[in-house]
Amino acid sequence: MVLLQIIFAGMETSGAVRARVKEGAEKVERSHGRIASCQVVEKVPNHHGGLLETRIHMTMPGDLEVNIGRHHD
């Protein structure tokens, strides 16, 4: 299993969101098993109109890094 860290910023911890993130991380790991670690930050945006802001940081062997950011409307 990939080292997974889930951070909730500006919001209470959500079991449903945690389960969905874990499910997604497991799916990525099955497809691309070379992931060393994955950090996911779920944040309530400071502005109106968005539900959650998600930031993902993954590391892989060979000093490779992937950073993804997304606003969910």
C-alpha atoms as a PDB file:
ATOM      1  CA  MET A   1       0.000   0.000   0.000  1.00  0.00           C
ATOM      2  CA  VAL A   2       1.206   3.475  -0.888  1.00  0.00           C
ATOM      3  CA  LEU A   3       1.966   5.828   2.025  1.00  0.00           C
ATOM      4  CA  LEU A   4      -1.185   7.997   2.024  1.00  0.00           C
ATOM      5  CA  GLN A   5      -1.677  11.193   4.011  1.00  0.00           C
ATOM      6  CA  ILE A   6      -5.050  12.982   3.921  1.00  0.00           C
ATOM      7  CA  ILE A   7      -5.276  16.512   5.327  1.00  0.00           C
ATOM      8  CA  PHE A   8      -8.508  18.428   5.902  1.00  0.00           C
ATOM      9  CA  ALA A   9      -7.860  22.199   5.935  1.00  0.00           C
ATOM     10  CA  GLY A  10     -10.518  24.627   7.094  1.00  0.00           C
ATOM     11  CA  MET A  11     -13.065  21.845   7.514  1.00  0.00           C
ATOM     12  CA  GLU A  12     -13.934  18.943   9.774  1.00  0.00           C
ATOM     13  CA  THR A  13     -12.660  15.478   8.962  1.00  0.00           C
ATOM     14  CA  SER A  14     -15.121  13.637   6.712  1.00  0.00           C
ATOM     15  CA  GLY A  15     -15.286   9.847   6.690  1.00  0.00           C
ATOM     16  CA  ALA A  16     -16.977   9.895   3.286  1.00  0.00           C
ATOM     17  CA  VAL A  17     -14.301  12.115   1.722  1.00  0.00           C
ATOM     18  CA  ARG A  18     -11.542  10.078   3.404  1.00  0.00           C
ATOM     19  CA  ALA A  19     -13.007   6.834   1.977  1.00  0.00           C
ATOM     20  CA  ARG A  20     -13.298   8.325  -1.513  1.00  0.00           C
ATOM     21  CA  VAL A  21      -9.684   9.590  -1.443  1.00  0.00           C
ATOM     22  CA  LYS A  22      -8.439   6.210  -0.212  1.00  0.00           C
ATOM     23  CA  GLU A  23     -10.403   4.432  -2.958  1.00  0.00           C
ATOM     24  CA  GLY A  24      -8.894   6.743  -5.591  1.00  0.00           C
ATOM     25  CA  ALA A  25      -5.362   6.239  -4.247  1.00  0.00           C
ATOM     26  CA  GLU A  26      -5.799   2.457  -4.348  1.00  0.00           C
ATOM     27  CA  LYS A  27      -7.019   2.671  -7.942  1.00  0.00           C
ATOM     28  CA  VAL A  28      -3.978   4.737  -8.983  1.00  0.00           C
ATOM     29  CA  GLU A  29      -1.675   2.334  -7.142  1.00  0.00           C
ATOM     30  CA  ARG A  30      -3.147  -0.658  -8.997  1.00  0.00           C
ATOM     31  CA  SER A  31      -2.540   1.100 -12.317  1.00  0.00           C
ATOM     32  CA  HIS A  32       0.831   2.703 -11.496  1.00  0.00           C
ATOM     33  CA  GLY A  33       2.347   0.680  -8.653  1.00  0.00           C
ATOM     34  CA  ARG A  34       5.513   2.765  -8.493  1.00  0.00           C
ATOM     35  CA  ILE A  35       4.020   5.481  -6.261  1.00  0.00           C
ATOM     36  CA  ALA A  36       6.087   5.929  -3.079  1.00  0.00           C
ATOM     37  CA  SER A  37       3.848   8.414  -1.265  1.00  0.00           C
ATOM     38  CA  CYS A  38       0.710  10.449  -1.794  1.00  0.00           C
ATOM     39  CA  GLN A  39      -0.471  13.503   0.126  1.00  0.00           C
ATOM     40  CA  VAL A  40      -4.003  14.801  -0.476  1.00  0.00           C
ATOM     41  CA  VAL A  41      -5.202  18.125   0.946  1.00  0.00           C
ATOM     42  CA  GLU A  42      -8.961  18.791   0.951  1.00  0.00           C
ATOM     43  CA  LYS A  43      -9.743  22.429   1.646  1.00  0.00           C
ATOM     44  CA  VAL A  44     -12.822  24.633   1.724  1.00  0.00           C
ATOM     45  CA  PRO A  45     -12.031  27.582  -0.573  1.00  0.00           C
ATOM     46  CA  ASN A  46     -12.022  31.114   0.857  1.00  0.00           C
ATOM     47  CA  HIS A  47     -14.371  32.307  -1.891  1.00  0.00           C
ATOM     48  CA  HIS A  48     -17.986  31.381  -2.552  1.00  0.00           C
ATOM     49  CA  GLY A  49     -19.081  28.979  -5.259  1.00  0.00           C
ATOM     50  CA  GLY A  50     -16.725  26.022  -4.824  1.00  0.00           C
ATOM     51  CA  LEU A  51     -17.356  22.907  -2.793  1.00  0.00           C
ATOM     52  CA  LEU A  52     -13.802  21.724  -2.185  1.00  0.00           C
ATOM     53  CA  GLU A  53     -10.322  22.478  -3.361  1.00  0.00           C
ATOM     54  CA  THR A  54      -8.094  19.405  -3.729  1.00  0.00           C
ATOM     55  CA  ARG A  55      -4.305  19.330  -3.933  1.00  0.00           C
ATOM     56  CA  ILE A  56      -2.430  16.069  -4.573  1.00  0.00           C
ATOM     57  CA  HIS A  57       1.318  15.557  -4.247  1.00  0.00           C
ATOM     58  CA  MET A  58       2.741  12.157  -5.260  1.00  0.00           C
ATOM     59  CA  THR A  59       6.339  10.988  -5.195  1.00  0.00           C
ATOM     60  CA  MET A  60       7.799   8.119  -7.196  1.00  0.00           C
ATOM     61  CA  PRO A  61      11.183   6.400  -7.379  1.00  0.00           C
ATOM     62  CA  GLY A  62      13.844   8.319  -9.288  1.00  0.00           C
ATOM     63  CA  ASP A  63      13.007  11.661  -7.602  1.00  0.00           C
ATOM     64  CA  LEU A  64       9.857  12.070  -9.710  1.00  0.00           C
ATOM     65  CA  GLU A  65       7.029  14.217  -8.352  1.00  0.00           C
ATOM     66  CA  VAL A  66       3.479  14.865  -9.526  1.00  0.00           C
ATOM     67  CA  ASN A  67       1.435  17.843  -8.281  1.00  0.00           C
ATOM     68  CA  ILE A  68      -2.235  18.258  -9.126  1.00  0.00           C
ATOM     69  CA  GLY A  69      -4.694  20.944  -8.041  1.00  0.00           C
ATOM     70  CA  ARG A  70      -8.429  21.028  -8.641  1.00  0.00           C
ATOM     71  CA  HIS A  71     -11.440  23.121  -7.647  1.00  0.00           C
ATOM     72  CA  HIS A  72     -14.689  21.202  -7.369  1.00  0.00           C
ATOM     73  CA  ASP A  73     -17.760  23.235  -8.237  1.00  0.00           C
END
